[in-house]
Amino acid sequence: MPFPFHPEQYDTQLQEKALRLQSLFDGMDLPELQVFASEKQHYRMRAEFRLWHEGDRSWFAMFDPADPKTPLEVTDFPVATELVNNLMKQVLEAVHEDSQLRNRLFQVEFLSTQSGDALITLVYHKKLDEEWAERGRHWQEQWGFPVIGRARKQRLVLSRDYVDEILTVNGKDYQFRQYENSFTQPNAGVCEKMVSWAQQQAGDSEGDLLELYCGNGNFSIPLASQFRQALGTEISRASVKSAQENIEANGIENLTIMRMSSEEFSSAWSGKTTSRRFREKGLSDYRFSTLLVDPPRAGLDDGTLDLARNFDRIVYISCNPESLVANLRALGKAYQIKAAALFDQFPYTHHMEAGVLLERV
């Protein structure tokens, strides 16, 4: 099998991850670690595969990093949702039936949701014309889900370019529109646990919430109700668009999204640079008390760390515990770790997602 999948070993692997995460915090006063497990199969919402052609036969392929030139056939993908697995079979059957669909098809991408929605993206090494679009619309109708065609400098959306998801956070349902080719959490079940944990750590807080790297509002929309006001920053145009739509869909009235990177926001906050967007948001009206961050693997830059020191409470979600620990050491003894968690977004791999609640001493 060209990917790690050992459900019989899952519990042991999760215990090993917990021990490894705890060891990274060596020398720190770490409270009892909460561990949030994943489903053992069908947990991954998205998947992408190369399409390999040999004569009259085509098949989905993945590659071993140790041997990146040798394609390995994928007949099913049990880590992905059952819906993705069903669509994989349907797409492959259509590719063998329809030469227009198959011709120079390079890659297939699937995006699905817990609520039963899906999106299929077909990536080509050729220019897509109206004849392809006609066949694409035919198969879109057959498969029952929207299709997007991609080629060099070309993107054809045949009906829509998003899926609609429902995430349940501490017993309440939230609607999230997720756009093709923009970031979403890959493991929706663990995402629900992660946001629920963050919401519990925030509690009923006085003051306002600032979230950096807010994406499509995955955290800030459920958390906004616990604050007087909330402000999120995000650099991706697609994510900002999605966040705005999700705010409206969920009837959130006290959350504003600003399109700025964390570095830009931190620099404007400190007065090192000026920013029209920063001035227009009327930040003097906010009384920030809690900061929520979910940064990329590199963690927080020095400017954002300086910004964080202005907050009495920090909820830090990390996809790279090593950079998280480095940031905590940089913050020094001014903060105490009040809660810590492991979220197993990526079973059967070495990757870990962690969360800590920091409060000023």
Protein backbone atom coordinates (compact mmCIF):
# COMPACT_ATOMS: atom_id res chain seq x y z
CA MET A 1 0.00 0.00 0.00
CA PRO A 2 1.63 3.33 -1.09
CA PHE A 3 0.56 5.26 2.04
CA PRO A 4 0.69 4.59 5.80
CA PHE A 5 -2.48 2.93 7.06
CA HIS A 6 -2.28 0.66 10.10
CA PRO A 7 -5.51 0.95 12.12
CA GLU A 8 -4.49 -1.93 14.37
CA GLN A 9 -1.49 0.17 15.49
CA TYR A 10 -3.33 3.47 15.87
CA ASP A 11 -3.73 3.56 19.67
CA THR A 12 -0.08 2.72 20.21
CA GLN A 13 1.04 5.34 17.68
CA LEU A 14 -1.11 7.99 19.36
CA GLN A 15 0.40 7.20 22.75
CA GLU A 16 3.87 7.53 21.23
CA LYS A 17 2.94 10.93 19.79
CA ALA A 18 1.72 12.11 23.19
CA LEU A 19 5.00 11.07 24.81
CA ARG A 20 7.00 12.75 22.04
CA LEU A 21 5.02 15.97 22.39
CA GLN A 22 5.49 16.00 26.16
CA SER A 23 9.23 15.52 25.71
CA LEU A 24 9.42 18.67 23.57
CA PHE A 25 8.22 20.68 26.59
CA ASP A 26 11.10 19.44 28.73
CA GLY A 27 11.89 21.93 31.49
CA MET A 28 8.50 23.66 31.22
CA ASP A 29 5.66 23.38 33.71
CA LEU A 30 3.21 21.49 31.49
CA PRO A 31 -0.28 20.61 32.80
CA GLU A 32 -1.83 17.25 32.01
CA LEU A 33 -1.94 16.80 28.24
CA GLN A 34 -5.38 16.34 26.70
CA VAL A 35 -5.24 13.96 23.74
CA PHE A 36 -7.85 14.16 20.98
CA ALA A 37 -7.90 11.09 18.75
CA SER A 38 -8.97 10.83 15.12
CA GLU A 39 -11.24 8.31 13.52
CA LYS A 40 -9.09 5.39 12.39
CA GLN A 41 -10.29 5.53 8.78
CA HIS A 42 -12.26 7.78 6.40
CA TYR A 43 -11.16 10.90 8.28
CA ARG A 44 -9.48 12.88 5.51
CA MET A 45 -11.69 15.37 3.64
CA ARG A 46 -9.43 15.92 0.64
CA ALA A 47 -7.11 13.90 -1.56
CA GLU A 48 -5.20 14.36 -4.80
CA PHE A 49 -3.67 11.79 -7.11
CA ARG A 50 -1.59 11.72 -10.24
CA LEU A 51 -3.33 9.92 -13.07
CA TRP A 52 -0.93 7.46 -14.68
CA HIS A 53 -1.50 6.22 -18.23
CA GLU A 54 -0.19 2.94 -19.66
CA GLY A 55 -1.62 2.08 -23.05
CA ASP A 56 -5.39 1.83 -22.78
CA ARG A 57 -5.31 1.73 -18.99
CA SER A 58 -5.18 4.64 -16.53
CA TRP A 59 -4.88 4.51 -12.75
CA PHE A 60 -4.45 6.71 -9.70
CA ALA A 61 -0.86 6.95 -8.53
CA MET A 62 1.10 8.11 -5.51
CA PHE A 63 4.85 8.21 -5.00
CA ASP A 64 7.15 7.06 -2.23
CA PRO A 65 9.48 9.95 -1.24
CA ALA A 66 12.33 7.41 -1.17
CA ASP A 67 11.62 6.53 -4.82
CA PRO A 68 9.83 9.57 -6.31
CA LYS A 69 10.06 8.37 -9.93
CA THR A 70 8.17 5.12 -9.52
CA PRO A 71 4.35 5.42 -9.50
CA LEU A 72 2.48 3.24 -7.02
CA GLU A 73 -1.09 2.31 -7.91
CA VAL A 74 -3.88 3.39 -5.55
CA THR A 75 -6.99 1.25 -5.87
CA ASP A 76 -8.66 2.67 -2.77
CA PHE A 77 -7.76 5.29 -0.17
CA PRO A 78 -9.20 4.31 3.23
CA VAL A 79 -7.88 7.40 5.01
CA ALA A 80 -10.16 9.57 2.84
CA THR A 81 -13.92 9.84 3.26
CA GLU A 82 -16.14 7.15 1.85
CA LEU A 83 -17.51 9.76 -0.55
CA VAL A 84 -14.02 10.39 -1.97
CA ASN A 85 -13.49 6.65 -2.39
CA ASN A 86 -16.79 6.31 -4.25
CA LEU A 87 -15.95 9.24 -6.51
CA MET A 88 -12.50 7.80 -7.24
CA LYS A 89 -14.14 4.71 -8.74
CA GLN A 90 -16.66 6.74 -10.75
CA VAL A 91 -14.03 9.11 -12.15
CA LEU A 92 -11.74 6.26 -13.16
CA GLU A 93 -14.57 4.46 -14.95
CA ALA A 94 -15.45 7.68 -16.81
CA VAL A 95 -11.82 8.27 -17.80
CA HIS A 96 -11.71 4.85 -19.48
CA GLU A 97 -15.05 5.45 -21.19
CA ASP A 98 -14.49 9.02 -22.43
CA SER A 99 -11.39 9.82 -24.51
CA GLN A 100 -12.05 13.56 -24.24
CA LEU A 101 -11.95 13.32 -20.46
CA ARG A 102 -8.86 11.08 -20.47
CA ASN A 103 -6.73 12.90 -23.02
CA ARG A 104 -3.69 14.40 -21.23
CA LEU A 105 -5.40 14.27 -17.84
CA PHE A 106 -2.56 14.69 -15.37
CA GLN A 107 -4.08 14.88 -11.88
CA VAL A 108 -7.40 14.52 -10.06
CA GLU A 109 -8.24 16.36 -6.82
CA PHE A 110 -11.15 15.64 -4.51
CA LEU A 111 -12.59 17.88 -1.78
CA SER A 112 -15.41 16.49 0.38
CA THR A 113 -17.29 17.41 3.54
CA GLN A 114 -18.88 15.66 6.50
CA SER A 115 -22.22 17.05 5.34
CA GLY A 116 -22.05 15.11 2.05
CA ASP A 117 -20.84 17.74 -0.41
CA ALA A 118 -17.90 17.29 -2.79
CA LEU A 119 -15.90 18.97 -5.55
CA ILE A 120 -13.81 17.31 -8.28
CA THR A 121 -10.92 19.11 -10.00
CA LEU A 122 -9.40 17.65 -13.18
CA VAL A 123 -5.92 18.96 -14.05
CA TYR A 124 -4.64 18.72 -17.65
CA HIS A 125 -1.53 19.12 -19.76
CA LYS A 126 -3.55 20.71 -22.55
CA LYS A 127 -5.73 23.71 -23.20
CA LEU A 128 -9.37 23.07 -22.34
CA ASP A 129 -11.95 24.00 -24.97
CA GLU A 130 -15.75 23.99 -25.26
CA GLU A 131 -15.74 20.34 -26.34
CA TRP A 132 -14.05 19.43 -23.05
CA ALA A 133 -16.47 21.66 -21.14
CA GLU A 134 -19.42 19.87 -22.75
CA ARG A 135 -18.06 16.47 -21.66
CA GLY A 136 -17.21 17.88 -18.23
CA ARG A 137 -20.80 19.06 -17.75
CA HIS A 138 -22.03 15.61 -18.78
CA TRP A 139 -19.90 13.87 -16.16
CA GLN A 140 -20.70 16.52 -13.57
CA GLU A 141 -24.34 15.54 -13.97
CA GLN A 142 -23.50 11.83 -13.79
CA TRP A 143 -21.34 12.17 -10.67
CA GLY A 144 -23.74 14.56 -8.95
CA PHE A 145 -21.04 17.01 -7.85
CA PRO A 146 -19.40 20.09 -9.41
CA VAL A 147 -16.38 19.77 -11.67
CA ILE A 148 -13.53 22.21 -12.27
CA GLY A 149 -11.07 21.91 -15.15
CA ARG A 150 -7.55 23.24 -14.75
CA ALA A 151 -4.73 23.66 -17.22
CA ARG A 152 -1.82 26.06 -17.60
CA LYS A 153 -3.17 29.60 -16.95
CA GLN A 154 -6.71 28.22 -17.25
CA ARG A 155 -9.47 27.41 -14.79
CA LEU A 156 -12.95 26.41 -15.96
CA VAL A 157 -15.65 26.32 -13.28
CA LEU A 158 -18.59 24.40 -14.70
CA SER A 159 -21.05 25.24 -11.91
CA ARG A 160 -19.43 26.23 -8.58
CA ASP A 161 -15.97 26.23 -7.02
CA TYR A 162 -16.78 25.52 -3.39
CA VAL A 163 -18.26 22.98 -1.01
CA ASP A 164 -20.50 23.70 1.98
CA GLU A 165 -19.59 22.10 5.29
CA ILE A 166 -21.26 21.92 8.69
CA LEU A 167 -18.97 21.68 11.73
CA THR A 168 -20.32 20.98 15.20
CA VAL A 169 -18.51 22.89 17.96
CA ASN A 170 -19.51 22.16 21.54
CA GLY A 171 -22.92 20.98 20.39
CA LYS A 172 -23.68 23.89 18.03
CA ASP A 173 -23.63 23.64 14.22
CA TYR A 174 -21.76 26.19 12.11
CA GLN A 175 -21.84 26.56 8.33
CA PHE A 176 -18.58 26.95 6.43
CA ARG A 177 -18.12 27.55 2.71
CA GLN A 178 -14.80 26.11 1.57
CA TYR A 179 -13.35 27.19 -1.78
CA GLU A 180 -11.34 25.04 -4.15
CA ASN A 181 -7.58 25.43 -3.83
CA SER A 182 -7.75 27.34 -0.53
CA PHE A 183 -6.71 26.05 2.88
CA THR A 184 -9.14 24.03 4.98
CA GLN A 185 -8.48 21.63 7.85
CA PRO A 186 -8.02 18.17 6.29
CA ASN A 187 -9.50 16.18 9.20
CA ALA A 188 -12.92 17.66 9.92
CA GLY A 189 -13.65 15.46 12.92
CA VAL A 190 -10.46 16.49 14.69
CA CYS A 191 -11.03 20.09 13.56
CA GLU A 192 -14.33 20.08 15.47
CA LYS A 193 -12.50 18.87 18.59
CA MET A 194 -9.76 21.47 18.13
CA VAL A 195 -12.15 24.42 17.78
CA SER A 196 -14.27 23.11 20.67
CA TRP A 197 -11.14 22.98 22.85
CA ALA A 198 -10.13 26.53 21.86
CA GLN A 199 -13.64 27.77 22.63
CA GLN A 200 -13.54 26.16 26.06
CA GLN A 201 -10.17 27.74 26.82
CA ALA A 202 -11.42 31.18 25.82
CA GLY A 203 -14.31 30.90 28.29
CA ASP A 204 -16.58 33.88 28.84
CA SER A 205 -13.94 36.52 28.36
CA GLU A 206 -14.05 40.19 29.11
CA GLY A 207 -12.62 42.33 26.35
CA ASP A 208 -12.12 41.52 22.69
CA LEU A 209 -10.53 38.77 20.60
CA LEU A 210 -7.79 39.16 18.00
CA GLU A 211 -7.11 36.19 15.74
CA LEU A 212 -4.13 36.15 13.39
CA TYR A 213 -4.06 33.73 10.42
CA CYS A 214 -7.84 33.40 10.70
CA GLY A 215 -8.39 31.61 7.35
CA ASN A 216 -12.08 31.16 6.55
CA GLY A 217 -13.15 31.95 10.13
CA ASN A 218 -12.76 28.37 11.32
CA PHE A 219 -11.94 29.50 14.89
CA SER A 220 -13.11 33.10 15.11
CA ILE A 221 -16.72 32.47 14.03
CA PRO A 222 -17.48 29.99 16.86
CA LEU A 223 -15.43 32.01 19.38
CA ALA A 224 -16.91 35.43 18.55
CA SER A 225 -19.96 34.89 20.77
CA GLN A 226 -17.71 34.79 23.85
CA PHE A 227 -16.32 38.28 23.28
CA ARG A 228 -17.64 41.81 22.99
CA GLN A 229 -15.96 42.16 19.60
CA ALA A 230 -13.61 40.02 17.49
CA LEU A 231 -11.13 40.90 14.74
CA GLY A 232 -9.44 38.40 12.42
CA THR A 233 -6.56 38.96 10.02
CA GLU A 234 -5.78 36.87 6.95
CA ILE A 235 -3.61 37.47 3.85
CA SER A 236 -5.31 35.07 1.39
CA ARG A 237 -7.98 36.77 -0.74
CA ALA A 238 -9.88 33.49 -1.19
CA SER A 239 -9.90 32.84 2.56
CA VAL A 240 -11.05 36.39 3.34
CA LYS A 241 -13.88 36.04 0.83
CA SER A 242 -14.86 32.72 2.38
CA ALA A 243 -14.67 34.17 5.91
CA GLN A 244 -16.96 37.06 4.98
CA GLU A 245 -19.54 34.66 3.53
CA ASN A 246 -19.27 32.38 6.56
CA ILE A 247 -19.80 35.30 8.95
CA GLU A 248 -23.00 36.18 7.12
CA ALA A 249 -24.19 32.56 6.88
CA ASN A 250 -23.80 32.10 10.65
CA GLY A 251 -25.35 35.45 11.58
CA ILE A 252 -22.23 36.71 13.38
CA GLU A 253 -22.48 40.46 13.99
CA ASN A 254 -19.43 41.24 16.15
CA LEU A 255 -16.63 39.80 13.95
CA THR A 256 -14.61 41.78 11.39
CA ILE A 257 -12.02 40.39 8.97
CA MET A 258 -9.01 42.45 7.85
CA ARG A 259 -6.91 41.36 4.86
CA MET A 260 -3.39 41.72 6.27
CA SER A 261 -0.59 39.32 7.06
CA SER A 262 0.38 38.89 10.70
CA GLU A 263 3.72 40.57 9.93
CA GLU A 264 1.98 43.62 8.42
CA PHE A 265 -0.49 43.84 11.28
CA SER A 266 2.24 43.53 13.93
CA SER A 267 4.37 46.17 12.24
CA ALA A 268 1.42 48.59 11.97
CA TRP A 269 0.41 47.86 15.58
CA SER A 270 3.90 48.76 16.81
CA GLY A 271 3.97 51.95 14.71
CA LYS A 272 6.95 50.78 12.62
CA THR A 273 4.88 51.13 9.44
CA THR A 274 1.66 52.83 8.42
CA SER A 275 -1.28 51.01 6.87
CA ARG A 276 -4.52 52.39 5.42
CA ARG A 277 -6.38 49.15 6.24
CA PHE A 278 -5.09 49.30 9.80
CA ARG A 279 -6.24 52.92 10.27
CA GLU A 280 -9.65 52.32 8.70
CA LYS A 281 -10.60 49.50 11.09
CA GLY A 282 -10.83 51.87 14.03
CA LEU A 283 -8.73 49.70 16.33
CA SER A 284 -9.02 52.24 19.14
CA ASP A 285 -12.58 50.91 19.61
CA TYR A 286 -11.25 47.46 20.55
CA ARG A 287 -10.20 46.34 24.03
CA PHE A 288 -8.19 43.27 23.14
CA SER A 289 -7.66 40.77 25.93
CA THR A 290 -7.22 37.43 24.12
CA LEU A 291 -5.02 36.52 21.15
CA LEU A 292 -5.60 33.38 19.07
CA VAL A 293 -2.94 32.24 16.61
CA ASP A 294 -2.71 29.26 14.27
CA PRO A 295 0.48 30.08 12.33
CA PRO A 296 2.22 28.18 9.52
CA ARG A 297 4.91 25.64 10.36
CA ALA A 298 7.57 28.30 10.92
CA GLY A 299 5.63 29.65 13.91
CA LEU A 300 5.43 33.30 14.97
CA ASP A 301 7.95 35.81 13.64
CA ASP A 302 9.70 38.21 16.01
CA GLY A 303 7.28 41.06 15.31
CA THR A 304 4.25 38.90 16.05
CA LEU A 305 5.90 37.65 19.24
CA ASP A 306 6.30 41.29 20.30
CA LEU A 307 2.62 41.83 19.55
CA ALA A 308 1.67 38.74 21.57
CA ARG A 309 3.35 40.19 24.66
CA ASN A 310 0.55 42.78 24.83
CA PHE A 311 -2.04 40.09 25.63
CA ASP A 312 -2.91 38.55 28.98
CA ARG A 313 -4.26 35.37 27.36
CA ILE A 314 -2.98 33.56 24.27
CA VAL A 315 -4.57 30.52 22.63
CA TYR A 316 -1.86 29.04 20.40
CA ILE A 317 -2.72 26.28 17.90
CA SER A 318 0.32 24.82 16.15
CA CYS A 319 0.92 22.44 13.24
CA ASN A 320 4.59 22.26 14.27
CA PRO A 321 5.16 21.72 18.00
CA GLU A 322 8.88 22.40 17.62
CA SER A 323 8.29 25.98 16.47
CA LEU A 324 5.58 26.29 19.15
CA VAL A 325 8.06 25.38 21.89
CA ALA A 326 10.64 27.76 20.44
CA ASN A 327 8.05 30.57 20.55
CA LEU A 328 7.12 29.70 24.14
CA ARG A 329 10.76 29.87 25.18
CA ALA A 330 11.04 33.26 23.45
CA LEU A 331 8.03 34.54 25.39
CA GLY A 332 9.85 33.54 28.56
CA LYS A 333 8.49 33.25 32.08
CA ALA A 334 5.93 36.02 31.70
CA TYR A 335 3.33 33.38 30.77
CA GLN A 336 2.19 30.14 32.35
CA ILE A 337 0.85 27.19 30.35
CA LYS A 338 -2.64 26.65 31.75
CA ALA A 339 -3.79 23.94 29.32
CA ALA A 340 -2.19 21.78 26.62
CA ALA A 341 -3.60 19.44 23.99
CA LEU A 342 -2.61 17.10 21.18
CA PHE A 343 -4.90 16.93 18.13
CA ASP A 344 -4.22 13.97 15.85
CA GLN A 345 -5.01 15.53 12.48
CA PHE A 346 -2.71 13.13 10.60
CA PRO A 347 -2.92 9.54 11.87
CA TYR A 348 -0.20 7.08 10.82
CA THR A 349 2.30 9.92 10.24
CA HIS A 350 4.79 11.72 12.49
CA HIS A 351 2.86 15.00 12.19
CA MET A 352 1.26 16.46 15.32
CA GLU A 353 -1.08 19.38 15.91
CA ALA A 354 -0.83 20.94 19.37
CA GLY A 355 -2.59 23.61 21.38
CA VAL A 356 -1.69 25.57 24.50
CA LEU A 357 -3.44 28.18 26.58
CA LEU A 358 -1.08 30.81 27.98
CA GLU A 359 -1.96 33.26 30.74
CA ARG A 360 0.20 36.08 31.98
CA VAL A 361 1.74 35.35 35.36
